[in-house]
Amino acid sequence: MSKKPIIGISGSLIVDGDTMFPGYERAYVNDDYVQAVVNAGGIPYIIPMVYDEEVIKSQLETIDGIIMSGGHDVNPLLYGEEPNMKLGGILPKRDEFDSKLIKFAMDSRLPILGICRGHQILNVVNGGNLYQDLSLMDGCYIKHNQGALSNVPTHTVKTVTGSKINEILGDETEINSFHHLCIKDVAKGFIASAYAKDGAIEAIEKIGDHFIMGVQWHPEMLAKNYEKMLNIFKKLVEEASKK
C-alpha cells in the first residue's frame, strides 16, 4: 500500500480569557482542517508556531504539502501601509512565522493551499497587498462576512477558465464567507482565478506547475457536506503525493 502524504496545517495561538489561566497561550487549529485532510486521503499534522528558522525548516522536512490556515488580520506594515481604523486584530509573531513557513515551503516546492488569512498572507509574502477592509474597495456590495452557519454557502463565485480552481470547481460555485480584508493587487507570478460578483478576488494561484493556491473562503467548513469543496483538499493531497 502506498504511503499517504503528510499535510501540515499552520498553527495559531489562542489566548485564554476568563479561565483558570487567564492570558495563557495555547497552540491550536480548528478541527475542520484536520478532518478535511483525513477525508481527502492525507495525514494531517498541526505545525505549531515557532520562530527559529532552522526549526521551521525541519518542520517542513517532515511534510509533503501544507495548508496555511485562517485567523488574524495581516499586519499592513508588511505591505507598506499604515493601519486603517477598520483593521481588526493582528498578531505580528504569527505573520513572522507564516512568512517564513511560506518562503521555505516555496523554496522546497511543497504544494501550498492558503485559506482566508492564509490566502491573504500568501499574496503579501510574494509582493501583493490587501484592502484593509472591504468598505475600501470600490463596488463592493456583497455581504462577505455571513457571521454564522459555517457550513452554509451564502454567495457565488465565478472561476477563471483554464485555472486550477476552475478545473476543481467548474465555472461557478457557491461558497461561505467570513472575511473583511481582501486582496487588492495580486502578487507577481500569480493570477486571480476566482471572483465574487462584486469584483472581490476570491482565489489566487501561482502561474506554472508548482501547486500554490489561495482561496478566500473556508472550504474546510464545507468539505463534510459538499464534495466540490472536499475536492480542493483532494487536489492538495494529490499534488503532495508527487513529492
C-alpha atoms as a PDB file:
ATOM      1  CA  MET A   1       0.000   0.000   0.000  1.00  0.00           C
ATOM      2  CA  SER A   2       1.406   3.410  -0.965  1.00  0.00           C
ATOM      3  CA  LYS A   3       2.155   5.867   1.827  1.00  0.00           C
ATOM      4  CA  LYS A   4      -0.398   8.626   2.329  1.00  0.00           C
ATOM      5  CA  PRO A   5       1.086  12.122   2.065  1.00  0.00           C
ATOM      6  CA  ILE A   6       1.514  14.167   5.230  1.00  0.00           C
ATOM      7  CA  ILE A   7      -0.215  17.548   5.104  1.00  0.00           C
ATOM      8  CA  GLY A   8       0.963  20.178   7.559  1.00  0.00           C
ATOM      9  CA  ILE A   9      -1.552  22.727   8.832  1.00  0.00           C
ATOM     10  CA  SER A  10      -0.104  26.014  10.063  1.00  0.00           C
ATOM     11  CA  GLY A  11      -0.959  26.607  13.687  1.00  0.00           C
ATOM     12  CA  SER A  12      -2.081  29.692  15.537  1.00  0.00           C
ATOM     13  CA  LEU A  13      -2.350  30.836  19.149  1.00  0.00           C
ATOM     14  CA  ILE A  14      -5.473  31.234  21.225  1.00  0.00           C
ATOM     15  CA  VAL A  15      -5.221  33.188  24.465  1.00  0.00           C
ATOM     16  CA  ASP A  16      -7.310  32.105  27.450  1.00  0.00           C
ATOM     17  CA  GLY A  17      -9.736  34.709  28.767  1.00  0.00           C
ATOM     18  CA  ASP A  18     -11.731  34.274  31.967  1.00  0.00           C
ATOM     19  CA  THR A  19     -10.428  30.786  32.801  1.00  0.00           C
ATOM     20  CA  MET A  20      -8.130  29.177  35.342  1.00  0.00           C
ATOM     21  CA  PHE A  21      -5.141  30.538  33.393  1.00  0.00           C
ATOM     22  CA  PRO A  22      -6.057  33.997  32.012  1.00  0.00           C
ATOM     23  CA  GLY A  23      -3.601  35.130  29.351  1.00  0.00           C
ATOM     24  CA  TYR A  24      -2.318  31.572  28.837  1.00  0.00           C
ATOM     25  CA  GLU A  25      -1.360  30.868  25.200  1.00  0.00           C
ATOM     26  CA  ARG A  26      -2.414  27.629  23.542  1.00  0.00           C
ATOM     27  CA  ALA A  27      -1.310  26.279  20.161  1.00  0.00           C
ATOM     28  CA  TYR A  28      -4.290  25.247  18.029  1.00  0.00           C
ATOM     29  CA  VAL A  29      -6.080  24.924  14.710  1.00  0.00           C
ATOM     30  CA  ASN A  30      -9.777  24.380  14.087  1.00  0.00           C
ATOM     31  CA  ASP A  31     -10.595  20.689  13.762  1.00  0.00           C
ATOM     32  CA  ASP A  32     -12.331  21.164  10.384  1.00  0.00           C
ATOM     33  CA  TYR A  33      -8.897  21.471   8.747  1.00  0.00           C
ATOM     34  CA  VAL A  34      -7.782  18.195  10.283  1.00  0.00           C
ATOM     35  CA  GLN A  35     -10.889  16.292   9.239  1.00  0.00           C
ATOM     36  CA  ALA A  36     -10.842  17.704   5.702  1.00  0.00           C
ATOM     37  CA  VAL A  37      -7.300  16.393   5.224  1.00  0.00           C
ATOM     38  CA  VAL A  38      -8.254  12.965   6.561  1.00  0.00           C
ATOM     39  CA  ASN A  39     -11.346  12.782   4.334  1.00  0.00           C
ATOM     40  CA  ALA A  40      -9.234  13.816   1.334  1.00  0.00           C
ATOM     41  CA  GLY A  41      -6.842  10.915   1.925  1.00  0.00           C
ATOM     42  CA  GLY A  42      -3.976  12.704   3.658  1.00  0.00           C
ATOM     43  CA  ILE A  43      -2.369  12.521   7.080  1.00  0.00           C
ATOM     44  CA  PRO A  44      -2.803  15.805   8.993  1.00  0.00           C
ATOM     45  CA  TYR A  45      -0.045  17.313  11.139  1.00  0.00           C
ATOM     46  CA  ILE A  46      -0.504  20.578  13.018  1.00  0.00           C
ATOM     47  CA  ILE A  47       2.569  22.804  12.713  1.00  0.00           C
ATOM     48  CA  PRO A  48       2.932  24.901  15.892  1.00  0.00           C
ATOM     49  CA  MET A  49       4.226  28.467  15.737  1.00  0.00           C
ATOM     50  CA  VAL A  50       7.971  28.728  16.345  1.00  0.00           C
ATOM     51  CA  TYR A  51      10.449  31.439  15.418  1.00  0.00           C
ATOM     52  CA  ASP A  52      13.785  29.692  14.873  1.00  0.00           C
ATOM     53  CA  GLU A  53      14.400  29.377  11.119  1.00  0.00           C
ATOM     54  CA  GLU A  54      16.216  26.064  11.399  1.00  0.00           C
ATOM     55  CA  VAL A  55      13.348  24.591  13.397  1.00  0.00           C
ATOM     56  CA  ILE A  56      10.841  25.827  10.794  1.00  0.00           C
ATOM     57  CA  LYS A  57      12.893  24.257   8.008  1.00  0.00           C
ATOM     58  CA  SER A  58      12.984  20.998   9.976  1.00  0.00           C
ATOM     59  CA  GLN A  59       9.205  21.147  10.434  1.00  0.00           C
ATOM     60  CA  LEU A  60       8.800  21.369   6.669  1.00  0.00           C
ATOM     61  CA  GLU A  61      11.126  18.412   6.060  1.00  0.00           C
ATOM     62  CA  THR A  62       8.564  16.153   7.747  1.00  0.00           C
ATOM     63  CA  ILE A  63       5.619  17.033   5.469  1.00  0.00           C
ATOM     64  CA  ASP A  64       4.600  16.678   1.815  1.00  0.00           C
ATOM     65  CA  GLY A  65       2.196  19.619   1.492  1.00  0.00           C
ATOM     66  CA  ILE A  66       0.931  22.495   3.589  1.00  0.00           C
ATOM     67  CA  ILE A  67      -2.268  24.374   4.438  1.00  0.00           C
ATOM     68  CA  MET A  68      -1.917  27.964   5.623  1.00  0.00           C
ATOM     69  CA  SER A  69      -4.871  28.362   7.959  1.00  0.00           C
ATOM     70  CA  GLY A  70      -7.161  31.306   8.678  1.00  0.00           C
ATOM     71  CA  GLY A  71      -7.294  33.719  11.580  1.00  0.00           C
ATOM     72  CA  HIS A  72      -5.859  37.147  12.430  1.00  0.00           C
ATOM     73  CA  ASP A  73      -5.708  40.142  10.110  1.00  0.00           C
ATOM     74  CA  VAL A  74      -2.383  40.503   8.306  1.00  0.00           C
ATOM     75  CA  ASN A  75      -0.297  43.436   9.573  1.00  0.00           C
ATOM     76  CA  PRO A  76      -0.447  46.122   6.827  1.00  0.00           C
ATOM     77  CA  LEU A  77       3.094  47.259   7.651  1.00  0.00           C
ATOM     78  CA  LEU A  78       4.173  44.114   5.803  1.00  0.00           C
ATOM     79  CA  TYR A  79       2.954  45.664   2.547  1.00  0.00           C
ATOM     80  CA  GLY A  80       3.942  49.249   3.253  1.00  0.00           C
ATOM     81  CA  GLU A  81       0.687  50.669   4.634  1.00  0.00           C
ATOM     82  CA  GLU A  82      -0.236  52.180   7.977  1.00  0.00           C
ATOM     83  CA  PRO A  83      -3.169  50.516   9.806  1.00  0.00           C
ATOM     84  CA  ASN A  84      -6.604  51.754   8.813  1.00  0.00           C
ATOM     85  CA  MET A  85      -9.133  52.387  11.596  1.00  0.00           C
ATOM     86  CA  LYS A  86     -11.155  49.409  10.326  1.00  0.00           C
ATOM     87  CA  LEU A  87      -8.304  46.911  10.667  1.00  0.00           C
ATOM     88  CA  GLY A  88      -9.040  44.053  13.061  1.00  0.00           C
ATOM     89  CA  GLY A  89      -6.762  42.223  15.474  1.00  0.00           C
ATOM     90  CA  ILE A  90      -3.242  41.378  14.311  1.00  0.00           C
ATOM     91  CA  LEU A  91      -0.584  39.009  15.657  1.00  0.00           C
ATOM     92  CA  PRO A  92       2.832  40.058  14.312  1.00  0.00           C
ATOM     93  CA  LYS A  93       4.625  36.949  15.561  1.00  0.00           C
ATOM     94  CA  ARG A  94       2.188  34.855  13.553  1.00  0.00           C
ATOM     95  CA  ASP A  95       2.911  36.977  10.487  1.00  0.00           C
ATOM     96  CA  GLU A  96       6.613  36.290  11.049  1.00  0.00           C
ATOM     97  CA  PHE A  97       6.073  32.535  11.372  1.00  0.00           C
ATOM     98  CA  ASP A  98       3.695  32.286   8.418  1.00  0.00           C
ATOM     99  CA  SER A  99       6.007  34.350   6.204  1.00  0.00           C
ATOM    100  CA  LYS A 100       8.974  32.087   6.894  1.00  0.00           C
ATOM    101  CA  LEU A 101       6.824  28.990   6.515  1.00  0.00           C
ATOM    102  CA  ILE A 102       5.606  30.116   3.076  1.00  0.00           C
ATOM    103  CA  LYS A 103       9.053  31.181   1.841  1.00  0.00           C
ATOM    104  CA  PHE A 104      10.725  27.929   2.913  1.00  0.00           C
ATOM    105  CA  ALA A 105       7.821  25.822   1.592  1.00  0.00           C
ATOM    106  CA  MET A 106       8.113  27.559  -1.778  1.00  0.00           C
ATOM    107  CA  ASP A 107      11.880  27.003  -1.808  1.00  0.00           C
ATOM    108  CA  SER A 108      11.209  23.294  -1.187  1.00  0.00           C
ATOM    109  CA  ARG A 109       8.491  23.270  -3.875  1.00  0.00           C
ATOM    110  CA  LEU A 110       5.906  21.949  -1.458  1.00  0.00           C
ATOM    111  CA  PRO A 111       2.296  22.266  -2.642  1.00  0.00           C
ATOM    112  CA  ILE A 112       0.553  25.027  -0.696  1.00  0.00           C
ATOM    113  CA  LEU A 113      -3.110  25.795  -0.036  1.00  0.00           C
ATOM    114  CA  GLY A 114      -3.840  29.117   1.668  1.00  0.00           C
ATOM    115  CA  ILE A 115      -7.255  29.599   3.282  1.00  0.00           C
ATOM    116  CA  CYS A 116      -8.740  33.009   4.210  1.00  0.00           C
ATOM    117  CA  ARG A 117      -5.865  34.672   6.143  1.00  0.00           C
ATOM    118  CA  GLY A 118      -3.579  32.045   4.595  1.00  0.00           C
ATOM    119  CA  HIS A 119      -4.693  33.186   1.132  1.00  0.00           C
ATOM    120  CA  GLN A 120      -4.073  36.823   2.062  1.00  0.00           C
ATOM    121  CA  ILE A 121      -0.602  36.386   3.569  1.00  0.00           C
ATOM    122  CA  LEU A 122       0.407  34.138   0.668  1.00  0.00           C
ATOM    123  CA  ASN A 123      -0.256  37.139  -1.570  1.00  0.00           C
ATOM    124  CA  VAL A 124       1.554  39.567   0.738  1.00  0.00           C
ATOM    125  CA  VAL A 125       4.663  37.390   1.168  1.00  0.00           C
ATOM    126  CA  ASN A 126       5.000  37.297  -2.620  1.00  0.00           C
ATOM    127  CA  GLY A 127       4.736  41.072  -3.033  1.00  0.00           C
ATOM    128  CA  GLY A 128       0.992  41.708  -3.272  1.00  0.00           C
ATOM    129  CA  ASN A 129      -1.195  43.782  -0.969  1.00  0.00           C
ATOM    130  CA  LEU A 130      -4.657  43.906   0.601  1.00  0.00           C
ATOM    131  CA  TYR A 131      -7.670  46.103   1.194  1.00  0.00           C
ATOM    132  CA  GLN A 132      -7.666  46.511   4.967  1.00  0.00           C
ATOM    133  CA  ASP A 133     -11.475  46.477   4.878  1.00  0.00           C
ATOM    134  CA  LEU A 134     -13.943  45.695   2.118  1.00  0.00           C
ATOM    135  CA  SER A 135     -15.542  49.117   2.560  1.00  0.00           C
ATOM    136  CA  LEU A 136     -12.352  50.500   0.964  1.00  0.00           C
ATOM    137  CA  MET A 137     -12.941  48.516  -2.262  1.00  0.00           C
ATOM    138  CA  ASP A 138     -14.943  50.316  -4.937  1.00  0.00           C
ATOM    139  CA  GLY A 139     -18.109  48.466  -5.921  1.00  0.00           C
ATOM    140  CA  CYS A 140     -18.165  46.002  -3.047  1.00  0.00           C
ATOM    141  CA  TYR A 141     -21.775  45.241  -2.161  1.00  0.00           C
ATOM    142  CA  ILE A 142     -21.902  41.550  -1.216  1.00  0.00           C
ATOM    143  CA  LYS A 143     -22.046  40.505   2.430  1.00  0.00           C
ATOM    144  CA  HIS A 144     -18.625  38.867   2.781  1.00  0.00           C
ATOM    145  CA  ASN A 145     -18.922  38.036   6.467  1.00  0.00           C
ATOM    146  CA  GLN A 146     -22.022  35.927   6.908  1.00  0.00           C
ATOM    147  CA  GLY A 147     -21.482  35.855  10.677  1.00  0.00           C
ATOM    148  CA  ALA A 148     -22.843  32.376  11.388  1.00  0.00           C
ATOM    149  CA  LEU A 149     -23.735  28.989   9.854  1.00  0.00           C
ATOM    150  CA  SER A 150     -20.187  27.980   8.981  1.00  0.00           C
ATOM    151  CA  ASN A 151     -21.219  25.063   6.755  1.00  0.00           C
ATOM    152  CA  VAL A 152     -23.750  27.001   4.649  1.00  0.00           C
ATOM    153  CA  PRO A 153     -22.725  28.693   1.360  1.00  0.00           C
ATOM    154  CA  THR A 154     -24.086  32.234   1.087  1.00  0.00           C
ATOM    155  CA  HIS A 155     -22.758  33.780  -2.150  1.00  0.00           C
ATOM    156  CA  THR A 156     -21.423  32.743  -5.537  1.00  0.00           C
ATOM    157  CA  VAL A 157     -18.008  32.979  -7.147  1.00  0.00           C
ATOM    158  CA  LYS A 158     -17.001  32.719 -10.782  1.00  0.00           C
ATOM    159  CA  THR A 159     -13.718  30.996 -11.666  1.00  0.00           C
ATOM    160  CA  VAL A 160     -11.345  31.878 -14.499  1.00  0.00           C
ATOM    161  CA  THR A 161     -11.351  29.495 -17.459  1.00  0.00           C
ATOM    162  CA  GLY A 162      -8.156  27.459 -17.629  1.00  0.00           C
ATOM    163  CA  SER A 163      -7.253  27.986 -13.972  1.00  0.00           C
ATOM    164  CA  LYS A 164      -6.595  25.201 -11.475  1.00  0.00           C
ATOM    165  CA  ILE A 165      -9.554  26.234  -9.326  1.00  0.00           C
ATOM    166  CA  ASN A 166     -11.775  26.123 -12.428  1.00  0.00           C
ATOM    167  CA  GLU A 167     -10.702  22.526 -13.019  1.00  0.00           C
ATOM    168  CA  ILE A 168     -11.693  21.677  -9.426  1.00  0.00           C
ATOM    169  CA  LEU A 169     -14.933  23.661  -9.006  1.00  0.00           C
ATOM    170  CA  GLY A 170     -16.208  24.410 -12.508  1.00  0.00           C
ATOM    171  CA  ASP A 171     -17.226  27.835 -13.824  1.00  0.00           C
ATOM    172  CA  GLU A 172     -19.345  28.924 -10.866  1.00  0.00           C
ATOM    173  CA  THR A 173     -19.956  27.706  -7.336  1.00  0.00           C
ATOM    174  CA  GLU A 174     -21.391  28.822  -4.006  1.00  0.00           C
ATOM    175  CA  ILE A 175     -19.144  29.493  -1.022  1.00  0.00           C
ATOM    176  CA  ASN A 176     -19.276  30.528   2.617  1.00  0.00           C
ATOM    177  CA  SER A 177     -17.683  33.838   3.612  1.00  0.00           C
ATOM    178  CA  PHE A 178     -16.004  35.116   6.788  1.00  0.00           C
ATOM    179  CA  HIS A 179     -13.659  37.979   5.952  1.00  0.00           C
ATOM    180  CA  HIS A 180     -13.369  41.767   5.874  1.00  0.00           C
ATOM    181  CA  LEU A 181      -9.920  42.023   4.258  1.00  0.00           C
ATOM    182  CA  CYS A 182      -9.478  41.249   0.569  1.00  0.00           C
ATOM    183  CA  ILE A 183      -6.666  41.046  -1.961  1.00  0.00           C
ATOM    184  CA  LYS A 184      -6.115  44.332  -3.812  1.00  0.00           C
ATOM    185  CA  ASP A 185      -3.074  43.848  -6.073  1.00  0.00           C
ATOM    186  CA  VAL A 186      -2.160  40.259  -6.924  1.00  0.00           C
ATOM    187  CA  ALA A 187       1.459  39.254  -6.348  1.00  0.00           C
ATOM    188  CA  LYS A 188       3.783  38.976  -9.333  1.00  0.00           C
ATOM    189  CA  GLY A 189       3.850  35.426 -10.677  1.00  0.00           C
ATOM    190  CA  PHE A 190       0.273  34.775  -9.516  1.00  0.00           C
ATOM    191  CA  ILE A 191      -3.135  35.249 -11.132  1.00  0.00           C
ATOM    192  CA  ALA A 192      -6.549  35.981  -9.670  1.00  0.00           C
ATOM    193  CA  SER A 193      -8.500  32.824 -10.507  1.00  0.00           C
ATOM    194  CA  ALA A 194     -11.919  33.410  -8.901  1.00  0.00           C
ATOM    195  CA  TYR A 195     -14.052  36.476  -8.222  1.00  0.00           C
ATOM    196  CA  ALA A 196     -17.217  37.345  -6.345  1.00  0.00           C
ATOM    197  CA  LYS A 197     -19.834  39.122  -8.446  1.00  0.00           C
ATOM    198  CA  ASP A 198     -18.850  42.468  -6.892  1.00  0.00           C
ATOM    199  CA  GLY A 199     -15.267  42.010  -8.107  1.00  0.00           C
ATOM    200  CA  ALA A 200     -13.710  40.837  -4.830  1.00  0.00           C
ATOM    201  CA  ILE A 201     -10.842  38.427  -5.524  1.00  0.00           C
ATOM    202  CA  GLU A 202     -11.767  35.041  -4.093  1.00  0.00           C
ATOM    203  CA  ALA A 203      -8.850  32.855  -5.271  1.00  0.00           C
ATOM    204  CA  ILE A 204      -5.285  33.220  -6.499  1.00  0.00           C
ATOM    205  CA  GLU A 205      -2.807  30.688  -7.831  1.00  0.00           C
ATOM    206  CA  LYS A 206       0.799  30.610  -8.917  1.00  0.00           C
ATOM    207  CA  ILE A 207       1.487  30.548 -12.626  1.00  0.00           C
ATOM    208  CA  GLY A 208       3.173  27.321 -13.723  1.00  0.00           C
ATOM    209  CA  ASP A 209       3.177  23.754 -12.484  1.00  0.00           C
ATOM    210  CA  HIS A 210       4.039  24.394  -8.812  1.00  0.00           C
ATOM    211  CA  PHE A 211       0.699  23.991  -6.994  1.00  0.00           C
ATOM    212  CA  ILE A 212       0.239  27.104  -4.866  1.00  0.00           C
ATOM    213  CA  MET A 213      -3.344  28.254  -4.408  1.00  0.00           C
ATOM    214  CA  GLY A 214      -5.179  30.595  -2.090  1.00  0.00           C
ATOM    215  CA  VAL A 215      -8.932  30.738  -1.504  1.00  0.00           C
ATOM    216  CA  GLN A 216     -10.684  33.492   0.439  1.00  0.00           C
ATOM    217  CA  TRP A 217     -13.493  31.304   1.772  1.00  0.00           C
ATOM    218  CA  HIS A 218     -13.374  28.343   4.191  1.00  0.00           C
ATOM    219  CA  PRO A 219     -13.665  25.095   2.205  1.00  0.00           C
ATOM    220  CA  GLU A 220     -12.700  23.078   5.295  1.00  0.00           C
ATOM    221  CA  MET A 221     -16.023  24.086   6.886  1.00  0.00           C
ATOM    222  CA  LEU A 222     -17.940  22.937   3.802  1.00  0.00           C
ATOM    223  CA  ALA A 223     -15.961  19.814   2.892  1.00  0.00           C
ATOM    224  CA  LYS A 224     -18.021  17.424   5.015  1.00  0.00           C
ATOM    225  CA  ASN A 225     -21.251  18.234   3.153  1.00  0.00           C
ATOM    226  CA  TYR A 226     -20.063  19.451  -0.262  1.00  0.00           C
ATOM    227  CA  GLU A 227     -17.949  17.159  -2.420  1.00  0.00           C
ATOM    228  CA  LYS A 228     -16.762  20.084  -4.539  1.00  0.00           C
ATOM    229  CA  MET A 229     -15.086  21.639  -1.507  1.00  0.00           C
ATOM    230  CA  LEU A 230     -13.505  18.369  -0.426  1.00  0.00           C
ATOM    231  CA  ASN A 231     -12.047  18.175  -3.938  1.00  0.00           C
ATOM    232  CA  ILE A 232      -9.849  21.194  -3.130  1.00  0.00           C
ATOM    233  CA  PHE A 233      -8.186  19.153  -0.398  1.00  0.00           C
ATOM    234  CA  LYS A 234      -8.056  16.081  -2.616  1.00  0.00           C
ATOM    235  CA  LYS A 235      -6.132  18.136  -5.171  1.00  0.00           C
ATOM    236  CA  LEU A 236      -3.658  19.233  -2.497  1.00  0.00           C
ATOM    237  CA  VAL A 237      -3.219  15.608  -1.374  1.00  0.00           C
ATOM    238  CA  GLU A 238      -2.762  14.542  -4.974  1.00  0.00           C
ATOM    239  CA  GLU A 239      -0.059  17.146  -5.531  1.00  0.00           C
ATOM    240  CA  ALA A 240       1.613  16.218  -2.226  1.00  0.00           C
ATOM    241  CA  SER A 241       1.707  12.574  -3.334  1.00  0.00           C
ATOM    242  CA  LYS A 242       4.055  13.597  -6.153  1.00  0.00           C
ATOM    243  CA  LYS A 243       6.702  14.849  -3.736  1.00  0.00           C
END
